[in-house]
Amino acid sequence: MSEQIDIAVDERFQEMVDEQQVQHTVLQVLRFEGLNPPYQLSLVLTDSETVQALNRDYRGLDEPTDVLAFPLLSQHESDLLFILPPDGVTHLGEVIISCPQTAQQAKEQEHPFERELALLIVHGILHLLGYDHEEPGDETRMRDREKSILDSCLPH
């Protein structure tokens, strides 16, 4: 096992999602960030109600959101990705994205659903890798990284 990327798309949204493109985006983010296999992460594309319930249960925010990330690495470990756990696989965590929220934001931003989904995938994986946007400097660093990665993995 080298690259284990588990993608689960709620059946209601399967027609909206190109799983090959999703897989490509995930791999591009990890390569761009210099992460070498073996690694494992999960990506779940689901409904807004599920994402809101998770946001409420795990973050204490009973409100809709577009993407949630549940990292398995501590912040310290994400700085030391070359140290592998006992099974030899870097377990990154799980990214959960609301397809309806993605569609709404794509419409608001006047760009395709696929671009918004790619942005949310990049955003979620960067969170798994220790990026954050709580402080202004951190937000700028994360947004710049998102743009660089998106520019490298999306057709122009």
N, C-alpha and C. Protein backbone atom coordinates (compact mmCIF):
# COMPACT_ATOMS: atom_id res chain seq x y z
N MET A 1 0.86 -1.19 0.00
CA MET A 1 0.00 0.00 0.00
C MET A 1 0.89 1.24 0.00
N SER A 2 0.62 2.16 -0.90
CA SER A 2 1.38 3.40 -0.88
C SER A 2 0.47 4.60 -0.70
N GLU A 3 -0.43 4.80 -1.64
CA GLU A 3 -1.38 5.92 -1.55
C GLU A 3 -2.76 5.33 -1.31
N GLN A 4 -3.26 5.48 -0.10
CA GLN A 4 -4.61 5.01 0.16
C GLN A 4 -5.50 6.23 0.37
N ILE A 5 -6.30 6.49 -0.65
CA ILE A 5 -7.22 7.63 -0.60
C ILE A 5 -8.62 7.04 -0.71
N ASP A 6 -9.35 7.11 0.38
CA ASP A 6 -10.71 6.57 0.43
C ASP A 6 -11.68 7.71 0.14
N ILE A 7 -12.42 7.59 -0.95
CA ILE A 7 -13.38 8.62 -1.35
C ILE A 7 -14.78 8.02 -1.26
N ALA A 8 -15.62 8.66 -0.46
CA ALA A 8 -17.01 8.22 -0.32
C ALA A 8 -17.91 9.38 -0.75
N VAL A 9 -18.72 9.12 -1.77
CA VAL A 9 -19.65 10.14 -2.27
C VAL A 9 -21.06 9.66 -2.00
N ASP A 10 -21.83 10.45 -1.26
CA ASP A 10 -23.23 10.15 -1.01
C ASP A 10 -23.91 9.92 -2.36
N GLU A 11 -24.69 8.86 -2.45
CA GLU A 11 -25.29 8.50 -3.75
C GLU A 11 -26.10 9.63 -4.37
N ARG A 12 -26.65 10.53 -3.55
CA ARG A 12 -27.44 11.64 -4.08
C ARG A 12 -26.59 12.63 -4.88
N PHE A 13 -25.28 12.59 -4.69
CA PHE A 13 -24.40 13.58 -5.32
C PHE A 13 -23.42 12.97 -6.32
N GLN A 14 -23.54 11.67 -6.56
CA GLN A 14 -22.58 11.00 -7.43
C GLN A 14 -22.52 11.57 -8.84
N GLU A 15 -23.65 12.02 -9.35
CA GLU A 15 -23.66 12.58 -10.70
C GLU A 15 -22.95 13.93 -10.77
N MET A 16 -22.83 14.61 -9.64
CA MET A 16 -22.17 15.92 -9.60
C MET A 16 -20.65 15.80 -9.52
N VAL A 17 -20.17 14.65 -9.08
CA VAL A 17 -18.76 14.51 -8.69
C VAL A 17 -18.01 13.59 -9.65
N ASP A 18 -16.90 14.08 -10.15
CA ASP A 18 -15.99 13.27 -10.96
C ASP A 18 -14.93 12.71 -10.01
N GLU A 19 -15.09 11.45 -9.61
CA GLU A 19 -14.20 10.87 -8.61
C GLU A 19 -12.75 10.81 -9.08
N GLN A 20 -12.53 10.64 -10.37
CA GLN A 20 -11.16 10.65 -10.89
C GLN A 20 -10.52 12.01 -10.68
N GLN A 21 -11.28 13.08 -10.94
CA GLN A 21 -10.76 14.43 -10.73
C GLN A 21 -10.52 14.68 -9.25
N VAL A 22 -11.41 14.19 -8.40
CA VAL A 22 -11.24 14.34 -6.96
C VAL A 22 -9.94 13.66 -6.52
N GLN A 23 -9.73 12.43 -6.97
CA GLN A 23 -8.51 11.68 -6.64
C GLN A 23 -7.27 12.44 -7.13
N HIS A 24 -7.34 12.95 -8.35
CA HIS A 24 -6.23 13.72 -8.92
C HIS A 24 -5.92 14.94 -8.05
N THR A 25 -6.94 15.66 -7.63
CA THR A 25 -6.75 16.85 -6.80
C THR A 25 -6.09 16.48 -5.47
N VAL A 26 -6.58 15.42 -4.84
CA VAL A 26 -6.00 14.98 -3.56
C VAL A 26 -4.51 14.67 -3.75
N LEU A 27 -4.18 13.90 -4.78
CA LEU A 27 -2.78 13.54 -5.02
C LEU A 27 -1.93 14.76 -5.31
N GLN A 28 -2.47 15.70 -6.07
CA GLN A 28 -1.72 16.92 -6.37
C GLN A 28 -1.40 17.72 -5.10
N VAL A 29 -2.37 17.82 -4.21
CA VAL A 29 -2.14 18.56 -2.96
C VAL A 29 -1.01 17.89 -2.18
N LEU A 30 -1.09 16.58 -2.03
CA LEU A 30 -0.09 15.87 -1.23
C LEU A 30 1.29 15.95 -1.88
N ARG A 31 1.35 15.86 -3.18
CA ARG A 31 2.64 15.99 -3.88
C ARG A 31 3.18 17.41 -3.74
N PHE A 32 2.30 18.39 -3.92
CA PHE A 32 2.69 19.79 -3.82
C PHE A 32 3.27 20.09 -2.43
N GLU A 33 2.71 19.44 -1.43
CA GLU A 33 3.17 19.64 -0.05
C GLU A 33 4.38 18.76 0.29
N GLY A 34 4.84 17.97 -0.68
CA GLY A 34 6.04 17.17 -0.47
C GLY A 34 5.84 15.92 0.36
N LEU A 35 4.61 15.45 0.45
CA LEU A 35 4.32 14.26 1.24
C LEU A 35 4.56 13.02 0.38
N ASN A 36 5.38 12.15 0.85
CA ASN A 36 5.69 10.92 0.12
C ASN A 36 4.89 9.76 0.70
N PRO A 37 4.44 8.85 -0.17
CA PRO A 37 3.75 7.65 0.31
C PRO A 37 4.70 6.83 1.18
N PRO A 38 4.18 6.01 2.05
CA PRO A 38 2.78 5.63 2.16
C PRO A 38 2.00 6.58 3.07
N TYR A 39 0.78 6.88 2.64
CA TYR A 39 -0.12 7.70 3.45
C TYR A 39 -1.55 7.25 3.20
N GLN A 40 -2.43 7.68 4.11
CA GLN A 40 -3.84 7.32 4.02
C GLN A 40 -4.66 8.52 4.45
N LEU A 41 -5.73 8.80 3.69
CA LEU A 41 -6.71 9.80 4.11
C LEU A 41 -8.06 9.44 3.54
N SER A 42 -9.08 9.96 4.18
CA SER A 42 -10.45 9.73 3.73
C SER A 42 -11.09 11.05 3.36
N LEU A 43 -11.90 11.00 2.30
CA LEU A 43 -12.63 12.17 1.84
C LEU A 43 -14.08 11.75 1.69
N VAL A 44 -14.98 12.48 2.36
CA VAL A 44 -16.40 12.17 2.32
C VAL A 44 -17.13 13.38 1.74
N LEU A 45 -17.94 13.13 0.69
CA LEU A 45 -18.75 14.17 0.08
C LEU A 45 -20.20 13.83 0.40
N THR A 46 -20.85 14.71 1.15
CA THR A 46 -22.16 14.36 1.70
C THR A 46 -23.09 15.57 1.70
N ASP A 47 -24.15 15.45 2.48
CA ASP A 47 -25.17 16.51 2.53
C ASP A 47 -24.86 17.54 3.63
N SER A 48 -25.57 18.64 3.56
CA SER A 48 -25.35 19.75 4.49
C SER A 48 -25.74 19.39 5.92
N GLU A 49 -26.78 18.57 6.07
CA GLU A 49 -27.25 18.19 7.41
C GLU A 49 -26.18 17.39 8.15
N THR A 50 -25.54 16.47 7.45
CA THR A 50 -24.48 15.67 8.07
C THR A 50 -23.31 16.55 8.49
N VAL A 51 -22.91 17.45 7.61
CA VAL A 51 -21.78 18.33 7.92
C VAL A 51 -22.13 19.25 9.08
N GLN A 52 -23.35 19.78 9.11
CA GLN A 52 -23.75 20.64 10.22
C GLN A 52 -23.76 19.86 11.53
N ALA A 53 -24.26 18.63 11.52
CA ALA A 53 -24.28 17.81 12.74
C ALA A 53 -22.86 17.55 13.24
N LEU A 54 -21.94 17.27 12.35
CA LEU A 54 -20.54 17.06 12.74
C LEU A 54 -19.94 18.36 13.27
N ASN A 55 -20.26 19.47 12.63
CA ASN A 55 -19.77 20.77 13.08
C ASN A 55 -20.27 21.05 14.51
N ARG A 56 -21.53 20.73 14.76
CA ARG A 56 -22.12 20.91 16.09
C ARG A 56 -21.45 19.97 17.11
N ASP A 57 -21.35 18.68 16.75
CA ASP A 57 -20.87 17.69 17.70
C ASP A 57 -19.38 17.82 18.01
N TYR A 58 -18.58 18.20 17.02
CA TYR A 58 -17.13 18.21 17.22
C TYR A 58 -16.52 19.59 17.39
N ARG A 59 -17.22 20.62 16.93
CA ARG A 59 -16.67 21.98 17.05
C ARG A 59 -17.55 22.87 17.92
N GLY A 60 -18.72 22.38 18.31
CA GLY A 60 -19.62 23.17 19.14
C GLY A 60 -20.29 24.30 18.39
N LEU A 61 -20.31 24.22 17.06
CA LEU A 61 -20.92 25.26 16.22
C LEU A 61 -22.10 24.65 15.47
N ASP A 62 -23.32 24.94 15.92
CA ASP A 62 -24.51 24.38 15.28
C ASP A 62 -24.91 25.26 14.10
N GLU A 63 -24.08 25.19 13.07
CA GLU A 63 -24.31 26.00 11.87
C GLU A 63 -23.75 25.25 10.67
N PRO A 64 -24.27 25.57 9.49
CA PRO A 64 -23.74 24.91 8.29
C PRO A 64 -22.31 25.36 8.02
N THR A 65 -21.57 24.51 7.36
CA THR A 65 -20.23 24.87 6.90
C THR A 65 -19.93 24.07 5.64
N ASP A 66 -18.89 24.45 4.93
CA ASP A 66 -18.59 23.79 3.66
C ASP A 66 -17.67 22.59 3.81
N VAL A 67 -16.68 22.69 4.68
CA VAL A 67 -15.69 21.62 4.81
C VAL A 67 -15.24 21.50 6.25
N LEU A 68 -15.06 20.26 6.68
CA LEU A 68 -14.51 19.97 7.99
C LEU A 68 -13.31 19.05 7.80
N ALA A 69 -12.31 19.25 8.62
CA ALA A 69 -11.12 18.39 8.58
C ALA A 69 -10.88 17.82 9.97
N PHE A 70 -10.65 16.53 10.01
CA PHE A 70 -10.36 15.84 11.26
C PHE A 70 -8.97 15.21 11.15
N PRO A 71 -7.94 15.98 11.52
CA PRO A 71 -6.58 15.47 11.38
C PRO A 71 -6.27 14.39 12.41
N LEU A 72 -5.48 13.41 11.99
CA LEU A 72 -5.00 12.38 12.90
C LEU A 72 -3.60 12.70 13.39
N LEU A 73 -2.92 13.63 12.72
CA LEU A 73 -1.60 14.07 13.15
C LEU A 73 -1.76 15.24 14.10
N SER A 74 -0.95 15.27 15.15
CA SER A 74 -0.93 16.47 15.98
C SER A 74 -0.17 17.54 15.21
N GLN A 75 -0.27 18.78 15.61
CA GLN A 75 0.45 19.86 14.94
C GLN A 75 1.95 19.54 14.90
N HIS A 76 2.47 19.02 15.99
CA HIS A 76 3.90 18.69 16.07
C HIS A 76 4.25 17.61 15.05
N GLU A 77 3.41 16.59 14.94
CA GLU A 77 3.68 15.50 14.00
C GLU A 77 3.62 15.97 12.56
N SER A 78 2.75 16.92 12.24
CA SER A 78 2.64 17.38 10.86
C SER A 78 3.91 18.10 10.43
N ASP A 79 4.69 18.61 11.39
CA ASP A 79 5.97 19.22 11.07
C ASP A 79 7.05 18.17 10.87
N LEU A 80 6.78 16.94 11.26
CA LEU A 80 7.76 15.86 11.21
C LEU A 80 7.22 14.68 10.41
N LEU A 81 6.69 14.94 9.23
CA LEU A 81 6.03 13.89 8.46
C LEU A 81 6.97 12.75 8.05
N PHE A 82 8.27 12.97 8.18
CA PHE A 82 9.19 11.91 7.78
C PHE A 82 9.27 10.81 8.82
N ILE A 83 8.74 11.01 10.01
CA ILE A 83 8.71 9.98 11.04
C ILE A 83 7.39 9.23 10.90
N LEU A 84 7.47 7.95 10.52
CA LEU A 84 6.27 7.18 10.25
C LEU A 84 5.80 6.43 11.49
N PRO A 85 4.48 6.25 11.62
CA PRO A 85 3.95 5.45 12.71
C PRO A 85 4.35 3.99 12.55
N PRO A 86 4.06 3.14 13.55
CA PRO A 86 4.51 1.74 13.52
C PRO A 86 4.11 0.95 12.27
N ASP A 87 2.95 1.24 11.67
CA ASP A 87 2.56 0.48 10.48
C ASP A 87 3.21 1.02 9.21
N GLY A 88 4.02 2.08 9.35
CA GLY A 88 4.72 2.64 8.21
C GLY A 88 3.89 3.57 7.34
N VAL A 89 2.65 3.81 7.72
CA VAL A 89 1.73 4.63 6.93
C VAL A 89 1.43 5.92 7.71
N THR A 90 1.52 7.05 7.02
CA THR A 90 1.12 8.32 7.63
C THR A 90 -0.39 8.45 7.49
N HIS A 91 -1.10 8.33 8.60
CA HIS A 91 -2.56 8.46 8.61
C HIS A 91 -2.88 9.94 8.81
N LEU A 92 -3.38 10.56 7.76
CA LEU A 92 -3.60 12.01 7.79
C LEU A 92 -4.91 12.41 8.43
N GLY A 93 -5.97 11.64 8.20
CA GLY A 93 -7.27 11.98 8.78
C GLY A 93 -8.36 11.97 7.73
N GLU A 94 -9.40 12.77 8.00
CA GLU A 94 -10.59 12.75 7.16
C GLU A 94 -11.04 14.17 6.85
N VAL A 95 -11.44 14.37 5.59
CA VAL A 95 -12.02 15.64 5.15
C VAL A 95 -13.46 15.35 4.75
N ILE A 96 -14.38 16.18 5.25
CA ILE A 96 -15.80 16.00 4.95
C ILE A 96 -16.32 17.29 4.32
N ILE A 97 -16.94 17.15 3.15
CA ILE A 97 -17.39 18.31 2.38
C ILE A 97 -18.88 18.21 2.11
N SER A 98 -19.57 19.34 2.24
CA SER A 98 -20.99 19.43 1.93
C SER A 98 -21.15 19.74 0.44
N CYS A 99 -21.72 18.81 -0.32
CA CYS A 99 -21.95 19.04 -1.75
C CYS A 99 -22.93 20.19 -2.01
N PRO A 100 -24.06 20.27 -1.26
CA PRO A 100 -24.96 21.40 -1.51
C PRO A 100 -24.30 22.76 -1.21
N GLN A 101 -23.51 22.82 -0.15
CA GLN A 101 -22.82 24.07 0.19
C GLN A 101 -21.79 24.40 -0.89
N THR A 102 -21.12 23.38 -1.40
CA THR A 102 -20.15 23.57 -2.49
C THR A 102 -20.85 24.15 -3.71
N ALA A 103 -21.99 23.59 -4.07
CA ALA A 103 -22.75 24.08 -5.23
C ALA A 103 -23.20 25.52 -5.03
N GLN A 104 -23.66 25.84 -3.82
CA GLN A 104 -24.12 27.21 -3.53
C GLN A 104 -22.96 28.19 -3.64
N GLN A 105 -21.81 27.83 -3.08
CA GLN A 105 -20.65 28.73 -3.12
C GLN A 105 -20.12 28.89 -4.55
N ALA A 106 -20.17 27.81 -5.33
CA ALA A 106 -19.74 27.91 -6.73
C ALA A 106 -20.62 28.90 -7.48
N LYS A 107 -21.91 28.81 -7.23
CA LYS A 107 -22.86 29.74 -7.88
C LYS A 107 -22.57 31.18 -7.46
N GLU A 108 -22.36 31.38 -6.15
CA GLU A 108 -22.06 32.72 -5.63
C GLU A 108 -20.77 33.28 -6.21
N GLN A 109 -19.77 32.43 -6.38
CA GLN A 109 -18.46 32.86 -6.90
C GLN A 109 -18.42 32.88 -8.43
N GLU A 110 -19.51 32.40 -9.04
CA GLU A 110 -19.64 32.37 -10.50
C GLU A 110 -18.50 31.57 -11.15
N HIS A 111 -18.24 30.41 -10.57
CA HIS A 111 -17.31 29.48 -11.21
C HIS A 111 -17.87 28.06 -11.09
N PRO A 112 -17.31 27.12 -11.81
CA PRO A 112 -17.87 25.77 -11.85
C PRO A 112 -17.81 25.06 -10.50
N PHE A 113 -18.76 24.15 -10.31
CA PHE A 113 -18.80 23.31 -9.12
C PHE A 113 -17.45 22.62 -8.89
N GLU A 114 -16.83 22.13 -9.98
CA GLU A 114 -15.57 21.40 -9.88
C GLU A 114 -14.46 22.26 -9.28
N ARG A 115 -14.45 23.54 -9.63
CA ARG A 115 -13.42 24.43 -9.08
C ARG A 115 -13.64 24.63 -7.58
N GLU A 116 -14.87 24.85 -7.18
CA GLU A 116 -15.17 25.05 -5.76
C GLU A 116 -14.85 23.78 -4.98
N LEU A 117 -15.20 22.63 -5.54
CA LEU A 117 -14.90 21.37 -4.87
C LEU A 117 -13.39 21.20 -4.71
N ALA A 118 -12.63 21.49 -5.76
CA ALA A 118 -11.18 21.39 -5.68
C ALA A 118 -10.63 22.32 -4.59
N LEU A 119 -11.15 23.54 -4.52
CA LEU A 119 -10.72 24.47 -3.48
C LEU A 119 -10.98 23.91 -2.09
N LEU A 120 -12.15 23.32 -1.88
CA LEU A 120 -12.49 22.77 -0.57
C LEU A 120 -11.65 21.54 -0.24
N ILE A 121 -11.33 20.74 -1.25
CA ILE A 121 -10.44 19.60 -1.03
C ILE A 121 -9.07 20.10 -0.59
N VAL A 122 -8.53 21.06 -1.32
CA VAL A 122 -7.23 21.63 -0.98
C VAL A 122 -7.26 22.19 0.43
N HIS A 123 -8.28 22.98 0.73
CA HIS A 123 -8.43 23.61 2.04
C HIS A 123 -8.45 22.56 3.15
N GLY A 124 -9.28 21.54 2.96
CA GLY A 124 -9.39 20.49 3.98
C GLY A 124 -8.09 19.74 4.19
N ILE A 125 -7.41 19.39 3.11
CA ILE A 125 -6.15 18.65 3.25
C ILE A 125 -5.08 19.53 3.90
N LEU A 126 -5.06 20.80 3.56
CA LEU A 126 -4.09 21.69 4.23
C LEU A 126 -4.33 21.71 5.73
N HIS A 127 -5.60 21.68 6.15
CA HIS A 127 -5.89 21.58 7.59
C HIS A 127 -5.33 20.27 8.16
N LEU A 128 -5.48 19.16 7.42
CA LEU A 128 -4.93 17.90 7.90
C LEU A 128 -3.42 17.98 8.09
N LEU A 129 -2.78 18.80 7.27
CA LEU A 129 -1.33 18.93 7.31
C LEU A 129 -0.84 20.02 8.25
N GLY A 130 -1.77 20.59 9.04
CA GLY A 130 -1.37 21.54 10.07
C GLY A 130 -1.55 23.00 9.75
N TYR A 131 -2.03 23.33 8.56
CA TYR A 131 -2.30 24.73 8.23
C TYR A 131 -3.56 25.18 8.97
N ASP A 132 -3.61 26.47 9.26
CA ASP A 132 -4.80 27.02 9.91
C ASP A 132 -4.98 28.46 9.43
N HIS A 133 -6.11 29.05 9.77
CA HIS A 133 -6.38 30.42 9.35
C HIS A 133 -7.02 31.22 10.47
N GLU A 134 -6.66 30.90 11.70
CA GLU A 134 -7.22 31.63 12.85
C GLU A 134 -6.59 33.01 13.00
N GLU A 135 -5.30 33.11 12.73
CA GLU A 135 -4.59 34.39 12.83
C GLU A 135 -4.39 34.98 11.44
N PRO A 136 -4.38 36.32 11.31
CA PRO A 136 -4.25 36.93 9.98
C PRO A 136 -3.04 36.43 9.18
N GLY A 137 -1.88 36.31 9.79
CA GLY A 137 -0.70 35.81 9.06
C GLY A 137 -0.87 34.38 8.61
N ASP A 138 -1.49 33.57 9.46
CA ASP A 138 -1.74 32.17 9.10
C ASP A 138 -2.75 32.08 7.96
N GLU A 139 -3.75 32.96 8.00
CA GLU A 139 -4.76 32.94 6.95
C GLU A 139 -4.14 33.30 5.60
N THR A 140 -3.29 34.31 5.58
CA THR A 140 -2.62 34.71 4.35
C THR A 140 -1.76 33.57 3.82
N ARG A 141 -1.01 32.93 4.70
CA ARG A 141 -0.15 31.80 4.31
C ARG A 141 -0.99 30.66 3.72
N MET A 142 -2.11 30.36 4.37
CA MET A 142 -2.96 29.26 3.90
C MET A 142 -3.61 29.61 2.56
N ARG A 143 -4.13 30.82 2.42
CA ARG A 143 -4.78 31.24 1.17
C ARG A 143 -3.79 31.25 0.01
N ASP A 144 -2.57 31.72 0.27
CA ASP A 144 -1.54 31.72 -0.77
C ASP A 144 -1.21 30.29 -1.20
N ARG A 145 -1.13 29.39 -0.23
CA ARG A 145 -0.84 27.99 -0.52
C ARG A 145 -1.97 27.38 -1.34
N GLU A 146 -3.22 27.66 -0.95
CA GLU A 146 -4.38 27.16 -1.69
C GLU A 146 -4.31 27.61 -3.15
N LYS A 147 -4.03 28.87 -3.36
CA LYS A 147 -3.99 29.41 -4.73
C LYS A 147 -2.89 28.73 -5.54
N SER A 148 -1.72 28.58 -4.96
CA SER A 148 -0.61 27.92 -5.67
C SER A 148 -0.98 26.50 -6.05
N ILE A 149 -1.57 25.78 -5.13
CA ILE A 149 -1.93 24.38 -5.40
C ILE A 149 -3.02 24.31 -6.46
N LEU A 150 -4.06 25.15 -6.34
CA LEU A 150 -5.14 25.15 -7.32
C LEU A 150 -4.62 25.48 -8.71
N ASP A 151 -3.72 26.46 -8.78
CA ASP A 151 -3.15 26.83 -10.08
C ASP A 151 -2.39 25.67 -10.71
N SER A 152 -1.81 24.81 -9.86
CA SER A 152 -1.02 23.69 -10.38
C SER A 152 -1.87 22.49 -10.79
N CYS A 153 -3.08 22.38 -10.21
CA CYS A 153 -3.84 21.14 -10.48
C CYS A 153 -5.13 21.34 -11.26
N LEU A 154 -5.51 22.57 -11.54
CA LEU A 154 -6.73 22.80 -12.31
C LEU A 154 -6.38 23.29 -13.71
N PRO A 155 -7.09 22.80 -14.71
CA PRO A 155 -6.87 23.32 -16.07
C PRO A 155 -7.28 24.78 -16.13
N HIS A 156 -6.58 25.54 -16.93
CA HIS A 156 -6.90 26.98 -17.04
C HIS A 156 -7.75 27.25 -18.24
